[in-house]
Amino acid sequence: MKEGGKIIMIIGLLITLFTGFKYFTKEKVVDLGSVEITANKKHSVNWSPMVGVGVILLGGLVFMMGSKKI
């Protein structure tokens, strides 16, 4: 469980540092038989850095609970 907690904390750190990403898709603008015009459309996915902090805390909890013997 300790290794899983460490991995979750690293993922949380990455989520905190990188608060989103952008990607492009091709969108058909005009279609006139054999003539097609396409354009790149930009999409962005963003999240709050607080999500990463929450994941770090969750990883810390998993890490701490992994050290306890039941």
PDB file of N, CA and C in Angstrom:
ATOM      1  N   MET A   1       0.821  -1.195   0.000  1.00  0.00           N
ATOM      2  CA  MET A   1       0.000   0.000   0.000  1.00  0.00           C
ATOM      3  C   MET A   1       0.865   1.259   0.000  1.00  0.00           C
ATOM      4  N   LYS A   2       2.060   1.175   0.597  1.00  0.00           N
ATOM      5  CA  LYS A   2       2.910   2.360   0.653  1.00  0.00           C
ATOM      6  C   LYS A   2       3.323   2.800  -0.750  1.00  0.00           C
ATOM      7  N   GLU A   3       3.626   1.827  -1.620  1.00  0.00           N
ATOM      8  CA  GLU A   3       4.038   2.180  -2.983  1.00  0.00           C
ATOM      9  C   GLU A   3       2.888   2.833  -3.737  1.00  0.00           C
ATOM     10  N   GLY A   4       1.681   2.320  -3.509  1.00  0.00           N
ATOM     11  CA  GLY A   4       0.507   2.921  -4.151  1.00  0.00           C
ATOM     12  C   GLY A   4       0.292   4.354  -3.687  1.00  0.00           C
ATOM     13  N   GLY A   5       0.498   4.609  -2.401  1.00  0.00           N
ATOM     14  CA  GLY A   5       0.380   5.966  -1.869  1.00  0.00           C
ATOM     15  C   GLY A   5       1.388   6.911  -2.483  1.00  0.00           C
ATOM     16  N   LYS A   6       2.621   6.414  -2.670  1.00  0.00           N
ATOM     17  CA  LYS A   6       3.656   7.243  -3.301  1.00  0.00           C
ATOM     18  C   LYS A   6       3.274   7.580  -4.741  1.00  0.00           C
ATOM     19  N   ILE A   7       2.770   6.586  -5.468  1.00  0.00           N
ATOM     20  CA  ILE A   7       2.376   6.810  -6.868  1.00  0.00           C
ATOM     21  C   ILE A   7       1.232   7.814  -6.949  1.00  0.00           C
ATOM     22  N   ILE A   8       0.259   7.702  -6.043  1.00  0.00           N
ATOM     23  CA  ILE A   8      -0.871   8.634  -6.034  1.00  0.00           C
ATOM     24  C   ILE A   8      -0.386  10.045  -5.723  1.00  0.00           C
ATOM     25  N   MET A   9       0.570  10.188  -4.806  1.00  0.00           N
ATOM     26  CA  MET A   9       1.099  11.515  -4.487  1.00  0.00           C
ATOM     27  C   MET A   9       1.846  12.117  -5.672  1.00  0.00           C
ATOM     28  N   ILE A  10       2.590  11.305  -6.418  1.00  0.00           N
ATOM     29  CA  ILE A  10       3.295  11.814  -7.598  1.00  0.00           C
ATOM     30  C   ILE A  10       2.305  12.259  -8.660  1.00  0.00           C
ATOM     31  N   ILE A  11       1.238  11.477  -8.851  1.00  0.00           N
ATOM     32  CA  ILE A  11       0.200  11.870  -9.807  1.00  0.00           C
ATOM     33  C   ILE A  11      -0.442  13.181  -9.377  1.00  0.00           C
ATOM     34  N   GLY A  12      -0.699  13.333  -8.071  1.00  0.00           N
ATOM     35  CA  GLY A  12      -1.258  14.582  -7.553  1.00  0.00           C
ATOM     36  C   GLY A  12      -0.341  15.765  -7.790  1.00  0.00           C
ATOM     37  N   LEU A  13       0.963  15.555  -7.645  1.00  0.00           N
ATOM     38  CA  LEU A  13       1.928  16.625  -7.906  1.00  0.00           C
ATOM     39  C   LEU A  13       1.890  17.036  -9.376  1.00  0.00           C
ATOM     40  N   LEU A  14       1.819  16.047 -10.264  1.00  0.00           N
ATOM     41  CA  LEU A  14       1.743  16.361 -11.697  1.00  0.00           C
ATOM     42  C   LEU A  14       0.452  17.097 -12.042  1.00  0.00           C
ATOM     43  N   ILE A  15      -0.658  16.684 -11.416  1.00  0.00           N
ATOM     44  CA  ILE A  15      -1.938  17.364 -11.657  1.00  0.00           C
ATOM     45  C   ILE A  15      -1.868  18.808 -11.175  1.00  0.00           C
ATOM     46  N   THR A  16      -1.164  19.045 -10.054  1.00  0.00           N
ATOM     47  CA  THR A  16      -1.032  20.397  -9.533  1.00  0.00           C
ATOM     48  C   THR A  16      -0.164  21.261 -10.443  1.00  0.00           C
ATOM     49  N   LEU A  17       0.916  20.686 -10.959  1.00  0.00           N
ATOM     50  CA  LEU A  17       1.826  21.466 -11.803  1.00  0.00           C
ATOM     51  C   LEU A  17       1.250  21.733 -13.190  1.00  0.00           C
ATOM     52  N   PHE A  18       0.612  20.737 -13.779  1.00  0.00           N
ATOM     53  CA  PHE A  18       0.041  20.884 -15.115  1.00  0.00           C
ATOM     54  C   PHE A  18      -1.476  20.946 -14.964  1.00  0.00           C
ATOM     55  N   THR A  19      -2.028  22.153 -15.038  1.00  0.00           N
ATOM     56  CA  THR A  19      -3.455  22.360 -14.757  1.00  0.00           C
ATOM     57  C   THR A  19      -4.338  22.219 -15.983  1.00  0.00           C
ATOM     58  N   GLY A  20      -3.870  21.549 -17.001  1.00  0.00           N
ATOM     59  CA  GLY A  20      -4.703  21.325 -18.180  1.00  0.00           C
ATOM     60  C   GLY A  20      -3.868  20.994 -19.393  1.00  0.00           C
ATOM     61  N   PHE A  21      -4.561  20.725 -20.492  1.00  0.00           N
ATOM     62  CA  PHE A  21      -3.882  20.461 -21.753  1.00  0.00           C
ATOM     63  C   PHE A  21      -4.804  20.880 -22.892  1.00  0.00           C
ATOM     64  N   LYS A  22      -4.208  21.038 -24.073  1.00  0.00           N
ATOM     65  CA  LYS A  22      -4.946  21.437 -25.266  1.00  0.00           C
ATOM     66  C   LYS A  22      -4.739  20.391 -26.351  1.00  0.00           C
ATOM     67  N   TYR A  23      -5.771  20.212 -27.163  1.00  0.00           N
ATOM     68  CA  TYR A  23      -5.644  19.313 -28.306  1.00  0.00           C
ATOM     69  C   TYR A  23      -6.451  19.890 -29.467  1.00  0.00           C
ATOM     70  N   PHE A  24      -6.132  19.434 -30.677  1.00  0.00           N
ATOM     71  CA  PHE A  24      -6.757  19.940 -31.888  1.00  0.00           C
ATOM     72  C   PHE A  24      -7.500  18.817 -32.600  1.00  0.00           C
ATOM     73  N   THR A  25      -8.623  19.186 -33.212  1.00  0.00           N
ATOM     74  CA  THR A  25      -9.354  18.266 -34.073  1.00  0.00           C
ATOM     75  C   THR A  25      -9.604  18.959 -35.404  1.00  0.00           C
ATOM     76  N   LYS A  26      -9.751  18.161 -36.447  1.00  0.00           N
ATOM     77  CA  LYS A  26     -10.077  18.732 -37.756  1.00  0.00           C
ATOM     78  C   LYS A  26     -11.584  18.775 -37.904  1.00  0.00           C
ATOM     79  N   GLU A  27     -12.067  19.923 -38.339  1.00  0.00           N
ATOM     80  CA  GLU A  27     -13.502  20.121 -38.514  1.00  0.00           C
ATOM     81  C   GLU A  27     -13.769  20.520 -39.959  1.00  0.00           C
ATOM     82  N   LYS A  28     -14.721  19.849 -40.580  1.00  0.00           N
ATOM     83  CA  LYS A  28     -15.068  20.153 -41.966  1.00  0.00           C
ATOM     84  C   LYS A  28     -15.887  21.442 -41.994  1.00  0.00           C
ATOM     85  N   VAL A  29     -15.378  22.441 -42.731  1.00  0.00           N
ATOM     86  CA  VAL A  29     -16.046  23.736 -42.813  1.00  0.00           C
ATOM     87  C   VAL A  29     -16.929  23.801 -44.053  1.00  0.00           C
ATOM     88  N   VAL A  30     -16.378  23.401 -45.201  1.00  0.00           N
ATOM     89  CA  VAL A  30     -17.114  23.453 -46.461  1.00  0.00           C
ATOM     90  C   VAL A  30     -16.955  22.107 -47.162  1.00  0.00           C
ATOM     91  N   ASP A  31     -18.069  21.594 -47.710  1.00  0.00           N
ATOM     92  CA  ASP A  31     -18.029  20.341 -48.466  1.00  0.00           C
ATOM     93  C   ASP A  31     -18.840  20.551 -49.739  1.00  0.00           C
ATOM     94  N   LEU A  32     -18.136  20.818 -50.836  1.00  0.00           N
ATOM     95  CA  LEU A  32     -18.775  21.040 -52.128  1.00  0.00           C
ATOM     96  C   LEU A  32     -18.337  19.950 -53.099  1.00  0.00           C
ATOM     97  N   GLY A  33     -18.886  18.770 -52.955  1.00  0.00           N
ATOM     98  CA  GLY A  33     -18.537  17.665 -53.849  1.00  0.00           C
ATOM     99  C   GLY A  33     -17.116  17.213 -53.614  1.00  0.00           C
ATOM    100  N   SER A  34     -16.250  17.473 -54.601  1.00  0.00           N
ATOM    101  CA  SER A  34     -14.855  17.040 -54.481  1.00  0.00           C
ATOM    102  C   SER A  34     -13.982  18.056 -53.747  1.00  0.00           C
ATOM    103  N   VAL A  35     -14.549  19.205 -53.420  1.00  0.00           N
ATOM    104  CA  VAL A  35     -13.795  20.242 -52.715  1.00  0.00           C
ATOM    105  C   VAL A  35     -14.206  20.234 -51.241  1.00  0.00           C
ATOM    106  N   GLU A  36     -13.229  20.040 -50.388  1.00  0.00           N
ATOM    107  CA  GLU A  36     -13.486  20.075 -48.954  1.00  0.00           C
ATOM    108  C   GLU A  36     -12.515  21.055 -48.304  1.00  0.00           C
ATOM    109  N   ILE A  37     -13.027  21.848 -47.409  1.00  0.00           N
ATOM    110  CA  ILE A  37     -12.190  22.774 -46.644  1.00  0.00           C
ATOM    111  C   ILE A  37     -12.339  22.395 -45.182  1.00  0.00           C
ATOM    112  N   THR A  38     -11.185  22.162 -44.536  1.00  0.00           N
ATOM    113  CA  THR A  38     -11.199  21.804 -43.121  1.00  0.00           C
ATOM    114  C   THR A  38     -10.433  22.854 -42.330  1.00  0.00           C
ATOM    115  N   ALA A  39     -10.741  22.923 -41.065  1.00  0.00           N
ATOM    116  CA  ALA A  39     -10.049  23.836 -40.167  1.00  0.00           C
ATOM    117  C   ALA A  39      -9.708  23.083 -38.885  1.00  0.00           C
ATOM    118  N   ASN A  40      -8.601  23.482 -38.284  1.00  0.00           N
ATOM    119  CA  ASN A  40      -8.228  22.905 -36.994  1.00  0.00           C
ATOM    120  C   ASN A  40      -8.975  23.635 -35.896  1.00  0.00           C
ATOM    121  N   LYS A  41      -9.656  22.874 -35.044  1.00  0.00           N
ATOM    122  CA  LYS A  41     -10.398  23.463 -33.932  1.00  0.00           C
ATOM    123  C   LYS A  41      -9.672  23.113 -32.641  1.00  0.00           C
ATOM    124  N   LYS A  42      -9.377  24.145 -31.838  1.00  0.00           N
ATOM    125  CA  LYS A  42      -8.632  23.955 -30.606  1.00  0.00           C
ATOM    126  C   LYS A  42      -9.602  23.666 -29.455  1.00  0.00           C
ATOM    127  N   HIS A  43      -9.292  22.637 -28.684  1.00  0.00           N
ATOM    128  CA  HIS A  43     -10.064  22.288 -27.490  1.00  0.00           C
ATOM    129  C   HIS A  43      -9.113  22.346 -26.302  1.00  0.00           C
ATOM    130  N   SER A  44      -9.626  22.742 -25.159  1.00  0.00           N
ATOM    131  CA  SER A  44      -8.787  22.747 -23.969  1.00  0.00           C
ATOM    132  C   SER A  44      -9.527  22.082 -22.819  1.00  0.00           C
ATOM    133  N   VAL A  45      -8.766  21.359 -22.028  1.00  0.00           N
ATOM    134  CA  VAL A  45      -9.283  20.699 -20.833  1.00  0.00           C
ATOM    135  C   VAL A  45      -8.511  21.284 -19.656  1.00  0.00           C
ATOM    136  N   ASN A  46      -9.201  21.909 -18.722  1.00  0.00           N
ATOM    137  CA  ASN A  46      -8.567  22.559 -17.584  1.00  0.00           C
ATOM    138  C   ASN A  46      -9.181  22.078 -16.286  1.00  0.00           C
ATOM    139  N   TRP A  47      -8.384  22.092 -15.227  1.00  0.00           N
ATOM    140  CA  TRP A  47      -8.873  21.761 -13.894  1.00  0.00           C
ATOM    141  C   TRP A  47      -8.158  22.652 -12.890  1.00  0.00           C
ATOM    142  N   SER A  48      -8.712  22.720 -11.711  1.00  0.00           N
ATOM    143  CA  SER A  48      -8.158  23.550 -10.649  1.00  0.00           C
ATOM    144  C   SER A  48      -6.944  22.869 -10.028  1.00  0.00           C
ATOM    145  N   PRO A  49      -5.933  23.641  -9.621  1.00  0.00           N
ATOM    146  CA  PRO A  49      -4.800  23.042  -8.908  1.00  0.00           C
ATOM    147  C   PRO A  49      -5.223  22.401  -7.582  1.00  0.00           C
ATOM    148  N   MET A  50      -6.369  22.791  -7.056  1.00  0.00           N
ATOM    149  CA  MET A  50      -6.850  22.210  -5.805  1.00  0.00           C
ATOM    150  C   MET A  50      -7.196  20.727  -5.978  1.00  0.00           C
ATOM    151  N   VAL A  51      -7.522  20.314  -7.180  1.00  0.00           N
ATOM    152  CA  VAL A  51      -7.763  18.893  -7.449  1.00  0.00           C
ATOM    153  C   VAL A  51      -6.469  18.113  -7.194  1.00  0.00           C
ATOM    154  N   GLY A  52      -5.351  18.651  -7.657  1.00  0.00           N
ATOM    155  CA  GLY A  52      -4.060  18.010  -7.422  1.00  0.00           C
ATOM    156  C   GLY A  52      -3.703  17.951  -5.950  1.00  0.00           C
ATOM    157  N   VAL A  53      -4.010  19.025  -5.218  1.00  0.00           N
ATOM    158  CA  VAL A  53      -3.746  19.030  -3.780  1.00  0.00           C
ATOM    159  C   VAL A  53      -4.582  17.953  -3.093  1.00  0.00           C
ATOM    160  N   GLY A  54      -5.823  17.803  -3.515  1.00  0.00           N
ATOM    161  CA  GLY A  54      -6.675  16.766  -2.953  1.00  0.00           C
ATOM    162  C   GLY A  54      -6.139  15.373  -3.232  1.00  0.00           C
ATOM    163  N   VAL A  55      -5.624  15.159  -4.435  1.00  0.00           N
ATOM    164  CA  VAL A  55      -5.060  13.857  -4.787  1.00  0.00           C
ATOM    165  C   VAL A  55      -3.787  13.595  -3.975  1.00  0.00           C
ATOM    166  N   ILE A  56      -2.983  14.640  -3.748  1.00  0.00           N
ATOM    167  CA  ILE A  56      -1.790  14.488  -2.911  1.00  0.00           C
ATOM    168  C   ILE A  56      -2.193  14.084  -1.494  1.00  0.00           C
ATOM    169  N   LEU A  57      -3.215  14.737  -0.944  1.00  0.00           N
ATOM    170  CA  LEU A  57      -3.684  14.384   0.397  1.00  0.00           C
ATOM    171  C   LEU A  57      -4.216  12.954   0.449  1.00  0.00           C
ATOM    172  N   LEU A  58      -4.934  12.548  -0.577  1.00  0.00           N
ATOM    173  CA  LEU A  58      -5.431  11.177  -0.647  1.00  0.00           C
ATOM    174  C   LEU A  58      -4.267  10.181  -0.702  1.00  0.00           C
ATOM    175  N   GLY A  59      -3.251  10.500  -1.476  1.00  0.00           N
ATOM    176  CA  GLY A  59      -2.064   9.641  -1.539  1.00  0.00           C
ATOM    177  C   GLY A  59      -1.352   9.567  -0.201  1.00  0.00           C
ATOM    178  N   GLY A  60      -1.293  10.696   0.507  1.00  0.00           N
ATOM    179  CA  GLY A  60      -0.692  10.694   1.837  1.00  0.00           C
ATOM    180  C   GLY A  60      -1.472   9.822   2.808  1.00  0.00           C
ATOM    181  N   LEU A  61      -2.788   9.866   2.697  1.00  0.00           N
ATOM    182  CA  LEU A  61      -3.638   9.035   3.550  1.00  0.00           C
ATOM    183  C   LEU A  61      -3.413   7.552   3.246  1.00  0.00           C
ATOM    184  N   VAL A  62      -3.356   7.206   1.969  1.00  0.00           N
ATOM    185  CA  VAL A  62      -3.098   5.806   1.587  1.00  0.00           C
ATOM    186  C   VAL A  62      -1.716   5.382   2.070  1.00  0.00           C
ATOM    187  N   PHE A  63      -0.740   6.273   1.948  1.00  0.00           N
ATOM    188  CA  PHE A  63       0.613   5.973   2.394  1.00  0.00           C
ATOM    189  C   PHE A  63       0.651   5.725   3.901  1.00  0.00           C
ATOM    190  N   MET A  64      -0.021   6.575   4.664  1.00  0.00           N
ATOM    191  CA  MET A  64      -0.035   6.428   6.130  1.00  0.00           C
ATOM    192  C   MET A  64      -0.808   5.188   6.566  1.00  0.00           C
ATOM    193  N   MET A  65      -1.900   4.887   5.900  1.00  0.00           N
ATOM    194  CA  MET A  65      -2.687   3.713   6.267  1.00  0.00           C
ATOM    195  C   MET A  65      -1.967   2.423   5.876  1.00  0.00           C
ATOM    196  N   GLY A  66      -1.091   2.492   4.906  1.00  0.00           N
ATOM    197  CA  GLY A  66      -0.346   1.307   4.486  1.00  0.00           C
ATOM    198  C   GLY A  66       0.687   0.882   5.515  1.00  0.00           C
ATOM    199  N   SER A  67       1.091   1.812   6.388  1.00  0.00           N
ATOM    200  CA  SER A  67       2.100   1.462   7.367  1.00  0.00           C
ATOM    201  C   SER A  67       1.518   0.849   8.636  1.00  0.00           C
ATOM    202  N   LYS A  68       0.197   0.939   8.822  1.00  0.00           N
ATOM    203  CA  LYS A  68      -0.448   0.389  10.012  1.00  0.00           C
ATOM    204  C   LYS A  68      -0.692  -1.099   9.842  1.00  0.00           C
ATOM    205  N   LYS A  69      -0.531  -1.827  10.922  1.00  0.00           N
ATOM    206  CA  LYS A  69      -0.811  -3.264  10.920  1.00  0.00           C
ATOM    207  C   LYS A  69      -2.216  -3.466  11.465  1.00  0.00           C
ATOM    208  N   ILE A  70      -2.986  -4.320  10.807  1.00  0.00           N
ATOM    209  CA  ILE A  70      -4.372  -4.581  11.242  1.00  0.00           C
ATOM    210  C   ILE A  70      -4.407  -5.762  12.168  1.00  0.00           C
TER     211      ILE A  70
END
